[in-house]
Amino acid sequence: MRTNEANPFAILEDPGAMARAESAWAAAWSYVEHGVPAGDQERQSQRMKFVVASVALGTDDPREMANKAIQRFLKETRTRRP
């Protein structure tokens, strides 16, 4: 992550929760990354971090976080396209 970008996982405060969210982000991002245009990957990766952080508040299970984040990310992507 670039130093000038906000860390969306900072809202979790607990180091364990942050680690679970980072693990969920890695899994979720690896699932959707191939469908993101190369020029948009950095921005979309950061967007996925915010999506994961938002779902992380509702679960401690990284797999569940990743699944929910993927669903939300893809749903929001479809609604953003013309």
PDB file of N, CA and C in Angstrom:
ATOM      1  N   MET A   1       0.860  -1.187   0.000  1.00  0.00           N
ATOM      2  CA  MET A   1       0.000   0.000   0.000  1.00  0.00           C
ATOM      3  C   MET A   1       0.893   1.233   0.000  1.00  0.00           C
ATOM      4  N   ARG A   2       0.540   2.193  -0.788  1.00  0.00           N
ATOM      5  CA  ARG A   2       1.314   3.442  -0.802  1.00  0.00           C
ATOM      6  C   ARG A   2       1.110   4.157   0.528  1.00  0.00           C
ATOM      7  N   THR A   3       2.114   4.918   0.932  1.00  0.00           N
ATOM      8  CA  THR A   3       2.058   5.594   2.222  1.00  0.00           C
ATOM      9  C   THR A   3       1.027   6.708   2.263  1.00  0.00           C
ATOM     10  N   ASN A   4       0.624   7.249   1.117  1.00  0.00           N
ATOM     11  CA  ASN A   4      -0.335   8.344   1.134  1.00  0.00           C
ATOM     12  C   ASN A   4      -1.789   7.848   1.099  1.00  0.00           C
ATOM     13  N   GLU A   5      -1.986   6.529   1.068  1.00  0.00           N
ATOM     14  CA  GLU A   5      -3.333   5.977   1.069  1.00  0.00           C
ATOM     15  C   GLU A   5      -3.768   5.664   2.491  1.00  0.00           C
ATOM     16  N   ALA A   6      -5.041   5.847   2.730  1.00  0.00           N
ATOM     17  CA  ALA A   6      -5.596   5.518   4.044  1.00  0.00           C
ATOM     18  C   ALA A   6      -5.577   4.009   4.235  1.00  0.00           C
ATOM     19  N   ASN A   7      -5.383   3.575   5.464  1.00  0.00           N
ATOM     20  CA  ASN A   7      -5.442   2.157   5.791  1.00  0.00           C
ATOM     21  C   ASN A   7      -6.845   1.847   6.295  1.00  0.00           C
ATOM     22  N   PRO A   8      -7.687   1.237   5.475  1.00  0.00           N
ATOM     23  CA  PRO A   8      -9.057   0.976   5.894  1.00  0.00           C
ATOM     24  C   PRO A   8      -9.145  -0.004   7.054  1.00  0.00           C
ATOM     25  N   PHE A   9      -8.123  -0.818   7.271  1.00  0.00           N
ATOM     26  CA  PHE A   9      -8.154  -1.784   8.360  1.00  0.00           C
ATOM     27  C   PHE A   9      -7.874  -1.149   9.720  1.00  0.00           C
ATOM     28  N   ALA A  10      -7.442   0.107   9.733  1.00  0.00           N
ATOM     29  CA  ALA A  10      -7.144   0.794  10.994  1.00  0.00           C
ATOM     30  C   ALA A  10      -8.384   0.941  11.869  1.00  0.00           C
ATOM     31  N   ILE A  11      -9.581   0.925  11.282  1.00  0.00           N
ATOM     32  CA  ILE A  11     -10.803   1.041  12.085  1.00  0.00           C
ATOM     33  C   ILE A  11     -11.016  -0.171  12.972  1.00  0.00           C
ATOM     34  N   LEU A  12     -10.326  -1.267  12.669  1.00  0.00           N
ATOM     35  CA  LEU A  12     -10.504  -2.489  13.441  1.00  0.00           C
ATOM     36  C   LEU A  12      -9.751  -2.465  14.766  1.00  0.00           C
ATOM     37  N   GLU A  13      -8.692  -1.680  14.839  1.00  0.00           N
ATOM     38  CA  GLU A  13      -7.881  -1.455  16.035  1.00  0.00           C
ATOM     39  C   GLU A  13      -7.162  -2.697  16.552  1.00  0.00           C
ATOM     40  N   ASP A  14      -7.854  -3.800  16.766  1.00  0.00           N
ATOM     41  CA  ASP A  14      -7.246  -5.025  17.294  1.00  0.00           C
ATOM     42  C   ASP A  14      -6.313  -5.643  16.251  1.00  0.00           C
ATOM     43  N   PRO A  15      -5.054  -5.923  16.620  1.00  0.00           N
ATOM     44  CA  PRO A  15      -4.107  -6.503  15.662  1.00  0.00           C
ATOM     45  C   PRO A  15      -4.597  -7.831  15.057  1.00  0.00           C
ATOM     46  N   GLY A  16      -5.271  -8.642  15.838  1.00  0.00           N
ATOM     47  CA  GLY A  16      -5.808  -9.907  15.324  1.00  0.00           C
ATOM     48  C   GLY A  16      -6.883  -9.674  14.281  1.00  0.00           C
ATOM     49  N   ALA A  17      -7.759  -8.720  14.542  1.00  0.00           N
ATOM     50  CA  ALA A  17      -8.824  -8.393  13.588  1.00  0.00           C
ATOM     51  C   ALA A  17      -8.229  -7.821  12.312  1.00  0.00           C
ATOM     52  N   MET A  18      -7.190  -7.017  12.453  1.00  0.00           N
ATOM     53  CA  MET A  18      -6.521  -6.447  11.272  1.00  0.00           C
ATOM     54  C   MET A  18      -5.886  -7.560  10.438  1.00  0.00           C
ATOM     55  N   ALA A  19      -5.259  -8.514  11.105  1.00  0.00           N
ATOM     56  CA  ALA A  19      -4.619  -9.626  10.390  1.00  0.00           C
ATOM     57  C   ALA A  19      -5.659 -10.472   9.660  1.00  0.00           C
ATOM     58  N   ARG A  20      -6.789 -10.725  10.296  1.00  0.00           N
ATOM     59  CA  ARG A  20      -7.858 -11.488   9.645  1.00  0.00           C
ATOM     60  C   ARG A  20      -8.401 -10.736   8.431  1.00  0.00           C
ATOM     61  N   ALA A  21      -8.553  -9.429   8.568  1.00  0.00           N
ATOM     62  CA  ALA A  21      -9.048  -8.620   7.453  1.00  0.00           C
ATOM     63  C   ALA A  21      -8.044  -8.609   6.304  1.00  0.00           C
ATOM     64  N   GLU A  22      -6.770  -8.515   6.605  1.00  0.00           N
ATOM     65  CA  GLU A  22      -5.749  -8.532   5.554  1.00  0.00           C
ATOM     66  C   GLU A  22      -5.735  -9.875   4.838  1.00  0.00           C
ATOM     67  N   SER A  23      -5.920 -10.955   5.597  1.00  0.00           N
ATOM     68  CA  SER A  23      -5.997 -12.289   5.003  1.00  0.00           C
ATOM     69  C   SER A  23      -7.228 -12.399   4.101  1.00  0.00           C
ATOM     70  N   ALA A  24      -8.347 -11.879   4.570  1.00  0.00           N
ATOM     71  CA  ALA A  24      -9.577 -11.899   3.776  1.00  0.00           C
ATOM     72  C   ALA A  24      -9.407 -11.061   2.521  1.00  0.00           C
ATOM     73  N   TRP A  25      -8.742  -9.907   2.643  1.00  0.00           N
ATOM     74  CA  TRP A  25      -8.499  -9.064   1.464  1.00  0.00           C
ATOM     75  C   TRP A  25      -7.671  -9.825   0.432  1.00  0.00           C
ATOM     76  N   ALA A  26      -6.609 -10.485   0.877  1.00  0.00           N
ATOM     77  CA  ALA A  26      -5.740 -11.215  -0.053  1.00  0.00           C
ATOM     78  C   ALA A  26      -6.537 -12.282  -0.802  1.00  0.00           C
ATOM     79  N   ALA A  27      -7.392 -13.008  -0.094  1.00  0.00           N
ATOM     80  CA  ALA A  27      -8.200 -14.042  -0.739  1.00  0.00           C
ATOM     81  C   ALA A  27      -9.213 -13.426  -1.697  1.00  0.00           C
ATOM     82  N   ALA A  28      -9.897 -12.395  -1.250  1.00  0.00           N
ATOM     83  CA  ALA A  28     -10.918 -11.752  -2.077  1.00  0.00           C
ATOM     84  C   ALA A  28     -10.296 -11.107  -3.308  1.00  0.00           C
ATOM     85  N   TRP A  29      -9.188 -10.411  -3.117  1.00  0.00           N
ATOM     86  CA  TRP A  29      -8.556  -9.733  -4.239  1.00  0.00           C
ATOM     87  C   TRP A  29      -8.044 -10.744  -5.262  1.00  0.00           C
ATOM     88  N   SER A  30      -7.470 -11.837  -4.798  1.00  0.00           N
ATOM     89  CA  SER A  30      -6.962 -12.835  -5.746  1.00  0.00           C
ATOM     90  C   SER A  30      -8.107 -13.421  -6.573  1.00  0.00           C
ATOM     91  N   TYR A  31      -9.302 -13.449  -6.025  1.00  0.00           N
ATOM     92  CA  TYR A  31     -10.460 -13.968  -6.739  1.00  0.00           C
ATOM     93  C   TYR A  31     -10.921 -13.021  -7.849  1.00  0.00           C
ATOM     94  N   VAL A  32     -10.905 -11.723  -7.596  1.00  0.00           N
ATOM     95  CA  VAL A  32     -11.445 -10.765  -8.572  1.00  0.00           C
ATOM     96  C   VAL A  32     -10.382 -10.083  -9.430  1.00  0.00           C
ATOM     97  N   GLU A  33      -9.147 -10.167  -9.015  1.00  0.00           N
ATOM     98  CA  GLU A  33      -8.064  -9.418  -9.673  1.00  0.00           C
ATOM     99  C   GLU A  33      -7.999  -9.656 -11.177  1.00  0.00           C
ATOM    100  N   HIS A  34      -8.175 -10.889 -11.617  1.00  0.00           N
ATOM    101  CA  HIS A  34      -8.049 -11.207 -13.044  1.00  0.00           C
ATOM    102  C   HIS A  34      -9.095 -10.491 -13.900  1.00  0.00           C
ATOM    103  N   GLY A  35     -10.197 -10.074 -13.300  1.00  0.00           N
ATOM    104  CA  GLY A  35     -11.237  -9.392 -14.053  1.00  0.00           C
ATOM    105  C   GLY A  35     -11.131  -7.877 -14.032  1.00  0.00           C
ATOM    106  N   VAL A  36     -10.088  -7.362 -13.394  1.00  0.00           N
ATOM    107  CA  VAL A  36      -9.900  -5.914 -13.280  1.00  0.00           C
ATOM    108  C   VAL A  36      -8.854  -5.474 -14.305  1.00  0.00           C
ATOM    109  N   PRO A  37      -9.170  -4.470 -15.128  1.00  0.00           N
ATOM    110  CA  PRO A  37      -8.194  -3.990 -16.114  1.00  0.00           C
ATOM    111  C   PRO A  37      -6.888  -3.566 -15.437  1.00  0.00           C
ATOM    112  N   ALA A  38      -5.779  -3.838 -16.091  1.00  0.00           N
ATOM    113  CA  ALA A  38      -4.451  -3.567 -15.533  1.00  0.00           C
ATOM    114  C   ALA A  38      -4.294  -2.129 -15.046  1.00  0.00           C
ATOM    115  N   GLY A  39      -4.801  -1.175 -15.776  1.00  0.00           N
ATOM    116  CA  GLY A  39      -4.665   0.228 -15.398  1.00  0.00           C
ATOM    117  C   GLY A  39      -5.512   0.635 -14.209  1.00  0.00           C
ATOM    118  N   ASP A  40      -6.412  -0.219 -13.788  1.00  0.00           N
ATOM    119  CA  ASP A  40      -7.336   0.103 -12.698  1.00  0.00           C
ATOM    120  C   ASP A  40      -7.092  -0.764 -11.464  1.00  0.00           C
ATOM    121  N   GLN A  41      -6.087  -1.617 -11.506  1.00  0.00           N
ATOM    122  CA  GLN A  41      -5.881  -2.578 -10.422  1.00  0.00           C
ATOM    123  C   GLN A  41      -5.559  -1.932  -9.079  1.00  0.00           C
ATOM    124  N   GLU A  42      -4.719  -0.930  -9.070  1.00  0.00           N
ATOM    125  CA  GLU A  42      -4.347  -0.306  -7.795  1.00  0.00           C
ATOM    126  C   GLU A  42      -5.565   0.325  -7.118  1.00  0.00           C
ATOM    127  N   ARG A  43      -6.353   1.052  -7.878  1.00  0.00           N
ATOM    128  CA  ARG A  43      -7.545   1.702  -7.320  1.00  0.00           C
ATOM    129  C   ARG A  43      -8.576   0.670  -6.859  1.00  0.00           C
ATOM    130  N   GLN A  44      -8.768  -0.375  -7.662  1.00  0.00           N
ATOM    131  CA  GLN A  44      -9.753  -1.389  -7.296  1.00  0.00           C
ATOM    132  C   GLN A  44      -9.279  -2.249  -6.127  1.00  0.00           C
ATOM    133  N   SER A  45      -7.978  -2.456  -6.026  1.00  0.00           N
ATOM    134  CA  SER A  45      -7.430  -3.178  -4.886  1.00  0.00           C
ATOM    135  C   SER A  45      -7.707  -2.402  -3.592  1.00  0.00           C
ATOM    136  N   GLN A  46      -7.505  -1.102  -3.648  1.00  0.00           N
ATOM    137  CA  GLN A  46      -7.793  -0.257  -2.486  1.00  0.00           C
ATOM    138  C   GLN A  46      -9.291  -0.268  -2.175  1.00  0.00           C
ATOM    139  N   ARG A  47     -10.125  -0.239  -3.207  1.00  0.00           N
ATOM    140  CA  ARG A  47     -11.578  -0.301  -2.991  1.00  0.00           C
ATOM    141  C   ARG A  47     -11.951  -1.614  -2.312  1.00  0.00           C
ATOM    142  N   MET A  48     -11.305  -2.723  -2.730  1.00  0.00           N
ATOM    143  CA  MET A  48     -11.575  -4.019  -2.093  1.00  0.00           C
ATOM    144  C   MET A  48     -11.190  -3.980  -0.622  1.00  0.00           C
ATOM    145  N   LYS A  49     -10.115  -3.279  -0.273  1.00  0.00           N
ATOM    146  CA  LYS A  49      -9.722  -3.170   1.140  1.00  0.00           C
ATOM    147  C   LYS A  49     -10.814  -2.483   1.946  1.00  0.00           C
ATOM    148  N   PHE A  50     -11.413  -1.446   1.393  1.00  0.00           N
ATOM    149  CA  PHE A  50     -12.500  -0.772   2.101  1.00  0.00           C
ATOM    150  C   PHE A  50     -13.734  -1.670   2.215  1.00  0.00           C
ATOM    151  N   VAL A  51     -14.002  -2.445   1.184  1.00  0.00           N
ATOM    152  CA  VAL A  51     -15.134  -3.378   1.242  1.00  0.00           C
ATOM    153  C   VAL A  51     -14.882  -4.420   2.330  1.00  0.00           C
ATOM    154  N   VAL A  52     -13.688  -4.981   2.367  1.00  0.00           N
ATOM    155  CA  VAL A  52     -13.351  -5.972   3.389  1.00  0.00           C
ATOM    156  C   VAL A  52     -13.465  -5.357   4.777  1.00  0.00           C
ATOM    157  N   ALA A  53     -12.954  -4.155   4.956  1.00  0.00           N
ATOM    158  CA  ALA A  53     -13.030  -3.497   6.269  1.00  0.00           C
ATOM    159  C   ALA A  53     -14.474  -3.325   6.700  1.00  0.00           C
ATOM    160  N   SER A  54     -15.360  -3.020   5.770  1.00  0.00           N
ATOM    161  CA  SER A  54     -16.763  -2.818   6.139  1.00  0.00           C
ATOM    162  C   SER A  54     -17.435  -4.126   6.541  1.00  0.00           C
ATOM    163  N   VAL A  55     -17.097  -5.228   5.893  1.00  0.00           N
ATOM    164  CA  VAL A  55     -17.712  -6.504   6.275  1.00  0.00           C
ATOM    165  C   VAL A  55     -17.000  -7.136   7.465  1.00  0.00           C
ATOM    166  N   ALA A  56     -15.768  -6.729   7.730  1.00  0.00           N
ATOM    167  CA  ALA A  56     -15.005  -7.293   8.844  1.00  0.00           C
ATOM    168  C   ALA A  56     -15.628  -6.963  10.194  1.00  0.00           C
ATOM    169  N   LEU A  57     -16.382  -5.894  10.244  1.00  0.00           N
ATOM    170  CA  LEU A  57     -17.019  -5.520  11.508  1.00  0.00           C
ATOM    171  C   LEU A  57     -18.114  -6.501  11.909  1.00  0.00           C
ATOM    172  N   GLY A  58     -18.573  -7.323  10.962  1.00  0.00           N
ATOM    173  CA  GLY A  58     -19.664  -8.243  11.244  1.00  0.00           C
ATOM    174  C   GLY A  58     -19.266  -9.687  11.439  1.00  0.00           C
ATOM    175  N   THR A  59     -17.980 -10.026  11.252  1.00  0.00           N
ATOM    176  CA  THR A  59     -17.547 -11.416  11.393  1.00  0.00           C
ATOM    177  C   THR A  59     -16.065 -11.495  11.739  1.00  0.00           C
ATOM    178  N   ASP A  60     -15.689 -12.579  12.401  1.00  0.00           N
ATOM    179  CA  ASP A  60     -14.276 -12.820  12.702  1.00  0.00           C
ATOM    180  C   ASP A  60     -13.666 -13.858  11.768  1.00  0.00           C
ATOM    181  N   ASP A  61     -14.479 -14.470  10.916  1.00  0.00           N
ATOM    182  CA  ASP A  61     -14.019 -15.532  10.042  1.00  0.00           C
ATOM    183  C   ASP A  61     -13.508 -14.948   8.721  1.00  0.00           C
ATOM    184  N   PRO A  62     -12.197 -15.087   8.451  1.00  0.00           N
ATOM    185  CA  PRO A  62     -11.640 -14.511   7.228  1.00  0.00           C
ATOM    186  C   PRO A  62     -12.289 -15.040   5.949  1.00  0.00           C
ATOM    187  N   ARG A  63     -12.684 -16.312   5.926  1.00  0.00           N
ATOM    188  CA  ARG A  63     -13.334 -16.855   4.729  1.00  0.00           C
ATOM    189  C   ARG A  63     -14.693 -16.215   4.501  1.00  0.00           C
ATOM    190  N   GLU A  64     -15.433 -16.053   5.577  1.00  0.00           N
ATOM    191  CA  GLU A  64     -16.734 -15.398   5.468  1.00  0.00           C
ATOM    192  C   GLU A  64     -16.557 -13.939   5.036  1.00  0.00           C
ATOM    193  N   MET A  65     -15.566 -13.267   5.615  1.00  0.00           N
ATOM    194  CA  MET A  65     -15.260 -11.884   5.215  1.00  0.00           C
ATOM    195  C   MET A  65     -14.965 -11.816   3.728  1.00  0.00           C
ATOM    196  N   ALA A  66     -14.096 -12.716   3.265  1.00  0.00           N
ATOM    197  CA  ALA A  66     -13.705 -12.719   1.860  1.00  0.00           C
ATOM    198  C   ALA A  66     -14.917 -12.955   0.963  1.00  0.00           C
ATOM    199  N   ASN A  67     -15.742 -13.929   1.316  1.00  0.00           N
ATOM    200  CA  ASN A  67     -16.926 -14.220   0.503  1.00  0.00           C
ATOM    201  C   ASN A  67     -17.883 -13.042   0.448  1.00  0.00           C
ATOM    202  N   LYS A  68     -18.143 -12.431   1.587  1.00  0.00           N
ATOM    203  CA  LYS A  68     -19.036 -11.271   1.616  1.00  0.00           C
ATOM    204  C   LYS A  68     -18.441 -10.104   0.838  1.00  0.00           C
ATOM    205  N   ALA A  69     -17.136  -9.919   0.978  1.00  0.00           N
ATOM    206  CA  ALA A  69     -16.471  -8.816   0.270  1.00  0.00           C
ATOM    207  C   ALA A  69     -16.531  -9.028  -1.241  1.00  0.00           C
ATOM    208  N   ILE A  70     -16.307 -10.254  -1.685  1.00  0.00           N
ATOM    209  CA  ILE A  70     -16.383 -10.550  -3.118  1.00  0.00           C
ATOM    210  C   ILE A  70     -17.775 -10.243  -3.640  1.00  0.00           C
ATOM    211  N   GLN A  71     -18.782 -10.712  -2.934  1.00  0.00           N
ATOM    212  CA  GLN A  71     -20.164 -10.471  -3.364  1.00  0.00           C
ATOM    213  C   GLN A  71     -20.460  -8.980  -3.453  1.00  0.00           C
ATOM    214  N   ARG A  72     -20.087  -8.230  -2.417  1.00  0.00           N
ATOM    215  CA  ARG A  72     -20.353  -6.790  -2.405  1.00  0.00           C
ATOM    216  C   ARG A  72     -19.554  -6.074  -3.494  1.00  0.00           C
ATOM    217  N   PHE A  73     -18.285  -6.418  -3.625  1.00  0.00           N
ATOM    218  CA  PHE A  73     -17.418  -5.791  -4.629  1.00  0.00           C
ATOM    219  C   PHE A  73     -18.001  -5.988  -6.025  1.00  0.00           C
ATOM    220  N   LEU A  74     -18.370  -7.227  -6.350  1.00  0.00           N
ATOM    221  CA  LEU A  74     -18.909  -7.520  -7.673  1.00  0.00           C
ATOM    222  C   LEU A  74     -20.267  -6.855  -7.889  1.00  0.00           C
ATOM    223  N   LYS A  75     -21.094  -6.843  -6.875  1.00  0.00           N
ATOM    224  CA  LYS A  75     -22.404  -6.193  -6.988  1.00  0.00           C
ATOM    225  C   LYS A  75     -22.224  -4.696  -7.234  1.00  0.00           C
ATOM    226  N   GLU A  76     -21.350  -4.060  -6.472  1.00  0.00           N
ATOM    227  CA  GLU A  76     -21.100  -2.629  -6.635  1.00  0.00           C
ATOM    228  C   GLU A  76     -20.438  -2.332  -7.980  1.00  0.00           C
ATOM    229  N   THR A  77     -19.630  -3.238  -8.473  1.00  0.00           N
ATOM    230  CA  THR A  77     -18.993  -3.059  -9.769  1.00  0.00           C
ATOM    231  C   THR A  77     -20.047  -3.077 -10.869  1.00  0.00           C
ATOM    232  N   ARG A  78     -20.994  -4.014 -10.777  1.00  0.00           N
ATOM    233  CA  ARG A  78     -22.058  -4.097 -11.780  1.00  0.00           C
ATOM    234  C   ARG A  78     -22.943  -2.849 -11.769  1.00  0.00           C
ATOM    235  N   THR A  79     -23.208  -2.287 -10.588  1.00  0.00           N
ATOM    236  CA  THR A  79     -24.075  -1.115 -10.525  1.00  0.00           C
ATOM    237  C   THR A  79     -23.347   0.146 -10.939  1.00  0.00           C
ATOM    238  N   ARG A  80     -22.028   0.157 -10.952  1.00  0.00           N
ATOM    239  CA  ARG A  80     -21.253   1.334 -11.359  1.00  0.00           C
ATOM    240  C   ARG A  80     -21.096   1.420 -12.865  1.00  0.00           C
ATOM    241  N   ARG A  81     -21.222   0.308 -13.550  1.00  0.00           N
ATOM    242  CA  ARG A  81     -21.022   0.287 -15.010  1.00  0.00           C
ATOM    243  C   ARG A  81     -22.277   0.787 -15.703  1.00  0.00           C
ATOM    244  N   PRO A  82     -22.095   1.482 -16.859  1.00  0.00           N
ATOM    245  CA  PRO A  82     -23.258   1.988 -17.597  1.00  0.00           C
ATOM    246  C   PRO A  82     -24.089   0.892 -18.207  1.00  0.00           C
TER     247      PRO A  82
END
